[in-house]
Each structure stands twice: as C-alpha cells, then as structure tokens.
Amino acid sequence: PTLIGDPFILMGITPQGIPFGGPRGQLTDIFVLLASCEDSGHLQALARFSRVIQTPGLIADLRDMETPEEIWDRIHLAEQELP
C-alpha cells in the first residue's frame, strides 16, 4: 500500500489498435489505469470515469486529439457536464 502515494489515472492512446481481448475481436486503442491505495477511492474514481467515458462523442474526440492537454481538457469538460 505504500508504493502509491496519491491516487492517479493514466491514459494511453495508440494510433493503431492492438489485440487485447476486445469484444467481437476488435482491436483496443485506448487504455486507462486507475490506481489508488484505498478501495473506496478507487471505486469512486472508477464509477465517475465510467460515467464520463459514456459521454456521446467523447471516445471519437479522444482518438482525434494530438496532445495530452487536449485530451485532459476534453475529459474535464465531459466531467463538468455530468448531471
């Protein structure tokens, strides 16, 4: 538990999908890692992020973006729009 100081989220987007066990044999091109020392914090972040990525058009937007700042801003905007 002491290996992780603060919770964090990492996202990786690859221009070409890779086989990662996607449904129907689809390739995976967006990867997300949520890390936290506390189960409750991890579950809250996972639930929130799960709601954010369901924003219509978000995934397509992320695939078209070129910088981490653009990606962060788009995710942050989607989060602010949640009810």
PDB file of N, CA and C in Angstrom:
ATOM      1  N   PRO A   1       0.803  -1.220   0.000  1.00  0.00           N
ATOM      2  CA  PRO A   1       0.000   0.000   0.000  1.00  0.00           C
ATOM      3  C   PRO A   1       0.842   1.280   0.000  1.00  0.00           C
ATOM      4  N   THR A   2       2.091   1.206   0.403  1.00  0.00           N
ATOM      5  CA  THR A   2       2.905   2.418   0.445  1.00  0.00           C
ATOM      6  C   THR A   2       3.587   2.717  -0.883  1.00  0.00           C
ATOM      7  N   LEU A   3       3.419   1.876  -1.876  1.00  0.00           N
ATOM      8  CA  LEU A   3       4.030   2.118  -3.178  1.00  0.00           C
ATOM      9  C   LEU A   3       3.369   3.278  -3.917  1.00  0.00           C
ATOM     10  N   ILE A   4       2.093   3.497  -3.672  1.00  0.00           N
ATOM     11  CA  ILE A   4       1.353   4.569  -4.339  1.00  0.00           C
ATOM     12  C   ILE A   4       1.057   5.644  -3.308  1.00  0.00           C
ATOM     13  N   GLY A   5       1.616   6.845  -3.509  1.00  0.00           N
ATOM     14  CA  GLY A   5       1.372   7.930  -2.575  1.00  0.00           C
ATOM     15  C   GLY A   5      -0.015   8.514  -2.753  1.00  0.00           C
ATOM     16  N   ASP A   6      -0.282   9.030  -3.936  1.00  0.00           N
ATOM     17  CA  ASP A   6      -1.569   9.640  -4.239  1.00  0.00           C
ATOM     18  C   ASP A   6      -2.246   8.851  -5.351  1.00  0.00           C
ATOM     19  N   PRO A   7      -3.577   8.818  -5.352  1.00  0.00           N
ATOM     20  CA  PRO A   7      -4.276   8.147  -6.440  1.00  0.00           C
ATOM     21  C   PRO A   7      -3.954   8.847  -7.771  1.00  0.00           C
ATOM     22  N   PHE A   8      -3.990   8.090  -8.848  1.00  0.00           N
ATOM     23  CA  PHE A   8      -3.747   8.689 -10.155  1.00  0.00           C
ATOM     24  C   PHE A   8      -4.465   7.917 -11.249  1.00  0.00           C
ATOM     25  N   ILE A   9      -4.608   8.581 -12.389  1.00  0.00           N
ATOM     26  CA  ILE A   9      -5.191   7.977 -13.585  1.00  0.00           C
ATOM     27  C   ILE A   9      -4.189   8.157 -14.712  1.00  0.00           C
ATOM     28  N   LEU A  10      -3.925   7.072 -15.434  1.00  0.00           N
ATOM     29  CA  LEU A  10      -3.083   7.126 -16.621  1.00  0.00           C
ATOM     30  C   LEU A  10      -3.926   6.727 -17.814  1.00  0.00           C
ATOM     31  N   MET A  11      -3.702   7.382 -18.932  1.00  0.00           N
ATOM     32  CA  MET A  11      -4.396   7.018 -20.156  1.00  0.00           C
ATOM     33  C   MET A  11      -3.374   6.911 -21.269  1.00  0.00           C
ATOM     34  N   GLY A  12      -3.519   5.880 -22.065  1.00  0.00           N
ATOM     35  CA  GLY A  12      -2.679   5.705 -23.237  1.00  0.00           C
ATOM     36  C   GLY A  12      -3.564   5.512 -24.451  1.00  0.00           C
ATOM     37  N   ILE A  13      -3.236   6.196 -25.525  1.00  0.00           N
ATOM     38  CA  ILE A  13      -3.975   6.061 -26.774  1.00  0.00           C
ATOM     39  C   ILE A  13      -2.969   5.732 -27.863  1.00  0.00           C
ATOM     40  N   THR A  14      -3.192   4.639 -28.552  1.00  0.00           N
ATOM     41  CA  THR A  14      -2.295   4.225 -29.613  1.00  0.00           C
ATOM     42  C   THR A  14      -2.963   4.458 -30.971  1.00  0.00           C
ATOM     43  N   PRO A  15      -2.216   4.928 -31.949  1.00  0.00           N
ATOM     44  CA  PRO A  15      -2.827   5.208 -33.257  1.00  0.00           C
ATOM     45  C   PRO A  15      -3.289   3.935 -33.963  1.00  0.00           C
ATOM     46  N   GLN A  16      -2.704   2.810 -33.622  1.00  0.00           N
ATOM     47  CA  GLN A  16      -3.135   1.537 -34.183  1.00  0.00           C
ATOM     48  C   GLN A  16      -3.570   0.646 -33.033  1.00  0.00           C
ATOM     49  N   GLY A  17      -4.729   0.064 -33.158  1.00  0.00           N
ATOM     50  CA  GLY A  17      -5.207  -0.820 -32.109  1.00  0.00           C
ATOM     51  C   GLY A  17      -4.326  -2.043 -31.980  1.00  0.00           C
ATOM     52  N   ILE A  18      -4.377  -2.644 -30.798  1.00  0.00           N
ATOM     53  CA  ILE A  18      -3.631  -3.878 -30.562  1.00  0.00           C
ATOM     54  C   ILE A  18      -4.598  -4.928 -30.017  1.00  0.00           C
ATOM     55  N   PRO A  19      -4.328  -6.197 -30.270  1.00  0.00           N
ATOM     56  CA  PRO A  19      -5.225  -7.231 -29.753  1.00  0.00           C
ATOM     57  C   PRO A  19      -5.128  -7.294 -28.227  1.00  0.00           C
ATOM     58  N   PHE A  20      -6.231  -7.019 -27.580  1.00  0.00           N
ATOM     59  CA  PHE A  20      -6.251  -7.001 -26.117  1.00  0.00           C
ATOM     60  C   PHE A  20      -7.539  -7.639 -25.603  1.00  0.00           C
ATOM     61  N   GLY A  21      -8.102  -8.539 -26.388  1.00  0.00           N
ATOM     62  CA  GLY A  21      -9.303  -9.262 -25.953  1.00  0.00           C
ATOM     63  C   GLY A  21     -10.573  -8.461 -26.063  1.00  0.00           C
ATOM     64  N   GLY A  22     -10.628  -7.516 -27.008  1.00  0.00           N
ATOM     65  CA  GLY A  22     -11.838  -6.722 -27.196  1.00  0.00           C
ATOM     66  C   GLY A  22     -12.998  -7.579 -27.676  1.00  0.00           C
ATOM     67  N   PRO A  23     -14.222  -7.100 -27.413  1.00  0.00           N
ATOM     68  CA  PRO A  23     -15.398  -7.861 -27.850  1.00  0.00           C
ATOM     69  C   PRO A  23     -15.421  -7.976 -29.378  1.00  0.00           C
ATOM     70  N   ARG A  24     -15.894  -9.106 -29.848  1.00  0.00           N
ATOM     71  CA  ARG A  24     -16.027  -9.351 -31.282  1.00  0.00           C
ATOM     72  C   ARG A  24     -14.704  -9.225 -32.023  1.00  0.00           C
ATOM     73  N   GLY A  25     -13.590  -9.437 -31.327  1.00  0.00           N
ATOM     74  CA  GLY A  25     -12.288  -9.417 -31.971  1.00  0.00           C
ATOM     75  C   GLY A  25     -11.770  -8.031 -32.339  1.00  0.00           C
ATOM     76  N   GLN A  26     -12.414  -6.988 -31.835  1.00  0.00           N
ATOM     77  CA  GLN A  26     -11.964  -5.629 -32.137  1.00  0.00           C
ATOM     78  C   GLN A  26     -10.629  -5.354 -31.472  1.00  0.00           C
ATOM     79  N   LEU A  27      -9.850  -4.473 -32.093  1.00  0.00           N
ATOM     80  CA  LEU A  27      -8.589  -4.054 -31.503  1.00  0.00           C
ATOM     81  C   LEU A  27      -8.831  -2.956 -30.479  1.00  0.00           C
ATOM     82  N   THR A  28      -7.977  -2.882 -29.482  1.00  0.00           N
ATOM     83  CA  THR A  28      -8.095  -1.881 -28.420  1.00  0.00           C
ATOM     84  C   THR A  28      -7.077  -0.780 -28.666  1.00  0.00           C
ATOM     85  N   ASP A  29      -7.545   0.482 -28.588  1.00  0.00           N
ATOM     86  CA  ASP A  29      -6.626   1.599 -28.836  1.00  0.00           C
ATOM     87  C   ASP A  29      -6.589   2.615 -27.707  1.00  0.00           C
ATOM     88  N   ILE A  30      -7.460   2.474 -26.718  1.00  0.00           N
ATOM     89  CA  ILE A  30      -7.463   3.376 -25.568  1.00  0.00           C
ATOM     90  C   ILE A  30      -7.360   2.530 -24.298  1.00  0.00           C
ATOM     91  N   PHE A  31      -6.365   2.851 -23.476  1.00  0.00           N
ATOM     92  CA  PHE A  31      -6.128   2.121 -22.233  1.00  0.00           C
ATOM     93  C   PHE A  31      -6.167   3.106 -21.065  1.00  0.00           C
ATOM     94  N   VAL A  32      -6.767   2.681 -19.959  1.00  0.00           N
ATOM     95  CA  VAL A  32      -6.876   3.526 -18.773  1.00  0.00           C
ATOM     96  C   VAL A  32      -6.445   2.712 -17.555  1.00  0.00           C
ATOM     97  N   LEU A  33      -5.633   3.332 -16.713  1.00  0.00           N
ATOM     98  CA  LEU A  33      -5.207   2.721 -15.457  1.00  0.00           C
ATOM     99  C   LEU A  33      -5.596   3.649 -14.322  1.00  0.00           C
ATOM    100  N   LEU A  34      -6.394   3.151 -13.398  1.00  0.00           N
ATOM    101  CA  LEU A  34      -6.756   3.884 -12.187  1.00  0.00           C
ATOM    102  C   LEU A  34      -6.012   3.233 -11.032  1.00  0.00           C
ATOM    103  N   ALA A  35      -5.288   4.027 -10.267  1.00  0.00           N
ATOM    104  CA  ALA A  35      -4.537   3.473  -9.145  1.00  0.00           C
ATOM    105  C   ALA A  35      -4.840   4.251  -7.869  1.00  0.00           C
ATOM    106  N   SER A  36      -5.084   3.500  -6.810  1.00  0.00           N
ATOM    107  CA  SER A  36      -5.376   4.107  -5.515  1.00  0.00           C
ATOM    108  C   SER A  36      -5.041   3.093  -4.419  1.00  0.00           C
ATOM    109  N   CYS A  37      -4.638   3.592  -3.279  1.00  0.00           N
ATOM    110  CA  CYS A  37      -4.351   2.712  -2.143  1.00  0.00           C
ATOM    111  C   CYS A  37      -5.628   2.280  -1.434  1.00  0.00           C
ATOM    112  N   GLU A  38      -6.679   3.031  -1.597  1.00  0.00           N
ATOM    113  CA  GLU A  38      -7.924   2.763  -0.884  1.00  0.00           C
ATOM    114  C   GLU A  38      -8.982   2.254  -1.843  1.00  0.00           C
ATOM    115  N   ASP A  39      -9.642   1.169  -1.466  1.00  0.00           N
ATOM    116  CA  ASP A  39     -10.683   0.601  -2.316  1.00  0.00           C
ATOM    117  C   ASP A  39     -11.809   1.590  -2.588  1.00  0.00           C
ATOM    118  N   SER A  40     -12.231   2.329  -1.559  1.00  0.00           N
ATOM    119  CA  SER A  40     -13.358   3.242  -1.744  1.00  0.00           C
ATOM    120  C   SER A  40     -13.012   4.347  -2.733  1.00  0.00           C
ATOM    121  N   GLY A  41     -11.802   4.891  -2.640  1.00  0.00           N
ATOM    122  CA  GLY A  41     -11.383   5.928  -3.576  1.00  0.00           C
ATOM    123  C   GLY A  41     -11.268   5.396  -4.985  1.00  0.00           C
ATOM    124  N   HIS A  42     -10.757   4.187  -5.116  1.00  0.00           N
ATOM    125  CA  HIS A  42     -10.622   3.558  -6.420  1.00  0.00           C
ATOM    126  C   HIS A  42     -11.995   3.322  -7.047  1.00  0.00           C
ATOM    127  N   LEU A  43     -12.921   2.813  -6.263  1.00  0.00           N
ATOM    128  CA  LEU A  43     -14.260   2.539  -6.787  1.00  0.00           C
ATOM    129  C   LEU A  43     -14.991   3.817  -7.164  1.00  0.00           C
ATOM    130  N   GLN A  44     -14.819   4.877  -6.373  1.00  0.00           N
ATOM    131  CA  GLN A  44     -15.449   6.156  -6.710  1.00  0.00           C
ATOM    132  C   GLN A  44     -14.881   6.717  -8.005  1.00  0.00           C
ATOM    133  N   ALA A  45     -13.564   6.665  -8.157  1.00  0.00           N
ATOM    134  CA  ALA A  45     -12.935   7.170  -9.381  1.00  0.00           C
ATOM    135  C   ALA A  45     -13.354   6.330 -10.584  1.00  0.00           C
ATOM    136  N   LEU A  46     -13.410   5.029 -10.414  1.00  0.00           N
ATOM    137  CA  LEU A  46     -13.819   4.143 -11.496  1.00  0.00           C
ATOM    138  C   LEU A  46     -15.263   4.411 -11.917  1.00  0.00           C
ATOM    139  N   ALA A  47     -16.140   4.584 -10.944  1.00  0.00           N
ATOM    140  CA  ALA A  47     -17.540   4.872 -11.253  1.00  0.00           C
ATOM    141  C   ALA A  47     -17.680   6.205 -11.983  1.00  0.00           C
ATOM    142  N   ARG A  48     -16.976   7.205 -11.508  1.00  0.00           N
ATOM    143  CA  ARG A  48     -17.041   8.534 -12.144  1.00  0.00           C
ATOM    144  C   ARG A  48     -16.485   8.484 -13.566  1.00  0.00           C
ATOM    145  N   PHE A  49     -15.328   7.853 -13.733  1.00  0.00           N
ATOM    146  CA  PHE A  49     -14.723   7.772 -15.054  1.00  0.00           C
ATOM    147  C   PHE A  49     -15.601   6.961 -16.003  1.00  0.00           C
ATOM    148  N   SER A  50     -16.237   5.920 -15.498  1.00  0.00           N
ATOM    149  CA  SER A  50     -17.155   5.123 -16.319  1.00  0.00           C
ATOM    150  C   SER A  50     -18.299   5.974 -16.847  1.00  0.00           C
ATOM    151  N   ARG A  51     -18.785   6.878 -16.028  1.00  0.00           N
ATOM    152  CA  ARG A  51     -19.848   7.787 -16.477  1.00  0.00           C
ATOM    153  C   ARG A  51     -19.313   8.786 -17.489  1.00  0.00           C
ATOM    154  N   VAL A  52     -18.108   9.296 -17.259  1.00  0.00           N
ATOM    155  CA  VAL A  52     -17.523  10.292 -18.159  1.00  0.00           C
ATOM    156  C   VAL A  52     -17.334   9.718 -19.559  1.00  0.00           C
ATOM    157  N   ILE A  53     -16.791   8.503 -19.666  1.00  0.00           N
ATOM    158  CA  ILE A  53     -16.480   7.966 -20.993  1.00  0.00           C
ATOM    159  C   ILE A  53     -17.725   7.594 -21.790  1.00  0.00           C
ATOM    160  N   GLN A  54     -18.882   7.608 -21.148  1.00  0.00           N
ATOM    161  CA  GLN A  54     -20.124   7.360 -21.862  1.00  0.00           C
ATOM    162  C   GLN A  54     -20.671   8.618 -22.533  1.00  0.00           C
ATOM    163  N   THR A  55     -20.004   9.756 -22.349  1.00  0.00           N
ATOM    164  CA  THR A  55     -20.423  10.995 -22.985  1.00  0.00           C
ATOM    165  C   THR A  55     -20.415  10.801 -24.496  1.00  0.00           C
ATOM    166  N   PRO A  56     -21.535  11.076 -25.152  1.00  0.00           N
ATOM    167  CA  PRO A  56     -21.588  10.884 -26.604  1.00  0.00           C
ATOM    168  C   PRO A  56     -20.469  11.645 -27.320  1.00  0.00           C
ATOM    169  N   GLY A  57     -19.760  10.945 -28.181  1.00  0.00           N
ATOM    170  CA  GLY A  57     -18.707  11.556 -28.980  1.00  0.00           C
ATOM    171  C   GLY A  57     -17.352  11.659 -28.307  1.00  0.00           C
ATOM    172  N   LEU A  58     -17.275  11.386 -27.014  1.00  0.00           N
ATOM    173  CA  LEU A  58     -16.014  11.571 -26.290  1.00  0.00           C
ATOM    174  C   LEU A  58     -14.908  10.665 -26.818  1.00  0.00           C
ATOM    175  N   ILE A  59     -15.194   9.393 -26.976  1.00  0.00           N
ATOM    176  CA  ILE A  59     -14.163   8.445 -27.423  1.00  0.00           C
ATOM    177  C   ILE A  59     -13.640   8.856 -28.802  1.00  0.00           C
ATOM    178  N   ALA A  60     -14.524   9.201 -29.706  1.00  0.00           N
ATOM    179  CA  ALA A  60     -14.086   9.643 -31.043  1.00  0.00           C
ATOM    180  C   ALA A  60     -13.243  10.903 -30.944  1.00  0.00           C
ATOM    181  N   ASP A  61     -13.637  11.821 -30.070  1.00  0.00           N
ATOM    182  CA  ASP A  61     -12.860  13.049 -29.885  1.00  0.00           C
ATOM    183  C   ASP A  61     -11.455  12.733 -29.377  1.00  0.00           C
ATOM    184  N   LEU A  62     -11.364  11.838 -28.403  1.00  0.00           N
ATOM    185  CA  LEU A  62     -10.060  11.495 -27.829  1.00  0.00           C
ATOM    186  C   LEU A  62      -9.133  10.905 -28.892  1.00  0.00           C
ATOM    187  N   ARG A  63      -9.700  10.103 -29.780  1.00  0.00           N
ATOM    188  CA  ARG A  63      -8.881   9.487 -30.833  1.00  0.00           C
ATOM    189  C   ARG A  63      -8.329  10.522 -31.807  1.00  0.00           C
ATOM    190  N   ASP A  64      -8.995  11.634 -31.933  1.00  0.00           N
ATOM    191  CA  ASP A  64      -8.570  12.676 -32.880  1.00  0.00           C
ATOM    192  C   ASP A  64      -7.619  13.699 -32.277  1.00  0.00           C
ATOM    193  N   MET A  65      -7.450  13.684 -30.970  1.00  0.00           N
ATOM    194  CA  MET A  65      -6.637  14.703 -30.308  1.00  0.00           C
ATOM    195  C   MET A  65      -5.156  14.340 -30.362  1.00  0.00           C
ATOM    196  N   GLU A  66      -4.320  15.375 -30.333  1.00  0.00           N
ATOM    197  CA  GLU A  66      -2.891  15.171 -30.525  1.00  0.00           C
ATOM    198  C   GLU A  66      -2.044  15.390 -29.281  1.00  0.00           C
ATOM    199  N   THR A  67      -2.556  16.115 -28.292  1.00  0.00           N
ATOM    200  CA  THR A  67      -1.730  16.412 -27.121  1.00  0.00           C
ATOM    201  C   THR A  67      -2.432  15.960 -25.839  1.00  0.00           C
ATOM    202  N   PRO A  68      -1.645  15.652 -24.821  1.00  0.00           N
ATOM    203  CA  PRO A  68      -2.249  15.301 -23.525  1.00  0.00           C
ATOM    204  C   PRO A  68      -3.138  16.428 -22.978  1.00  0.00           C
ATOM    205  N   GLU A  69      -2.750  17.669 -23.234  1.00  0.00           N
ATOM    206  CA  GLU A  69      -3.549  18.803 -22.736  1.00  0.00           C
ATOM    207  C   GLU A  69      -4.936  18.810 -23.378  1.00  0.00           C
ATOM    208  N   GLU A  70      -4.994  18.542 -24.673  1.00  0.00           N
ATOM    209  CA  GLU A  70      -6.293  18.493 -25.370  1.00  0.00           C
ATOM    210  C   GLU A  70      -7.159  17.378 -24.781  1.00  0.00           C
ATOM    211  N   ILE A  71      -6.539  16.234 -24.555  1.00  0.00           N
ATOM    212  CA  ILE A  71      -7.269  15.086 -24.013  1.00  0.00           C
ATOM    213  C   ILE A  71      -7.782  15.413 -22.608  1.00  0.00           C
ATOM    214  N   TRP A  72      -6.914  15.947 -21.765  1.00  0.00           N
ATOM    215  CA  TRP A  72      -7.311  16.311 -20.401  1.00  0.00           C
ATOM    216  C   TRP A  72      -8.456  17.319 -20.414  1.00  0.00           C
ATOM    217  N   ASP A  73      -8.345  18.349 -21.245  1.00  0.00           N
ATOM    218  CA  ASP A  73      -9.388  19.376 -21.310  1.00  0.00           C
ATOM    219  C   ASP A  73     -10.718  18.782 -21.757  1.00  0.00           C
ATOM    220  N   ARG A  74     -10.680  17.868 -22.728  1.00  0.00           N
ATOM    221  CA  ARG A  74     -11.927  17.266 -23.228  1.00  0.00           C
ATOM    222  C   ARG A  74     -12.562  16.376 -22.170  1.00  0.00           C
ATOM    223  N   ILE A  75     -11.748  15.601 -21.456  1.00  0.00           N
ATOM    224  CA  ILE A  75     -12.284  14.753 -20.392  1.00  0.00           C
ATOM    225  C   ILE A  75     -12.843  15.617 -19.266  1.00  0.00           C
ATOM    226  N   HIS A  76     -12.126  16.674 -18.920  1.00  0.00           N
ATOM    227  CA  HIS A  76     -12.581  17.575 -17.863  1.00  0.00           C
ATOM    228  C   HIS A  76     -13.910  18.228 -18.244  1.00  0.00           C
ATOM    229  N   LEU A  77     -14.037  18.637 -19.495  1.00  0.00           N
ATOM    230  CA  LEU A  77     -15.309  19.215 -19.969  1.00  0.00           C
ATOM    231  C   LEU A  77     -16.443  18.207 -19.854  1.00  0.00           C
ATOM    232  N   ALA A  78     -16.185  16.975 -20.277  1.00  0.00           N
ATOM    233  CA  ALA A  78     -17.214  15.936 -20.182  1.00  0.00           C
ATOM    234  C   ALA A  78     -17.607  15.687 -18.727  1.00  0.00           C
ATOM    235  N   GLU A  79     -16.635  15.730 -17.831  1.00  0.00           N
ATOM    236  CA  GLU A  79     -16.936  15.517 -16.409  1.00  0.00           C
ATOM    237  C   GLU A  79     -17.791  16.649 -15.868  1.00  0.00           C
ATOM    238  N   GLN A  80     -17.495  17.864 -16.257  1.00  0.00           N
ATOM    239  CA  GLN A  80     -18.275  19.013 -15.782  1.00  0.00           C
ATOM    240  C   GLN A  80     -19.709  18.973 -16.291  1.00  0.00           C
ATOM    241  N   GLU A  81     -19.937  18.316 -17.406  1.00  0.00           N
ATOM    242  CA  GLU A  81     -21.279  18.247 -17.989  1.00  0.00           C
ATOM    243  C   GLU A  81     -22.137  17.142 -17.377  1.00  0.00           C
ATOM    244  N   LEU A  82     -21.544  16.305 -16.521  1.00  0.00           N
ATOM    245  CA  LEU A  82     -22.330  15.245 -15.879  1.00  0.00           C
ATOM    246  C   LEU A  82     -23.388  15.860 -14.981  1.00  0.00           C
ATOM    247  N   PRO A  83     -24.546  15.203 -14.929  1.00  0.00           N
ATOM    248  CA  PRO A  83     -25.602  15.706 -14.014  1.00  0.00           C
ATOM    249  C   PRO A  83     -25.247  15.503 -12.565  1.00  0.00           C
TER     250      PRO A  83
END
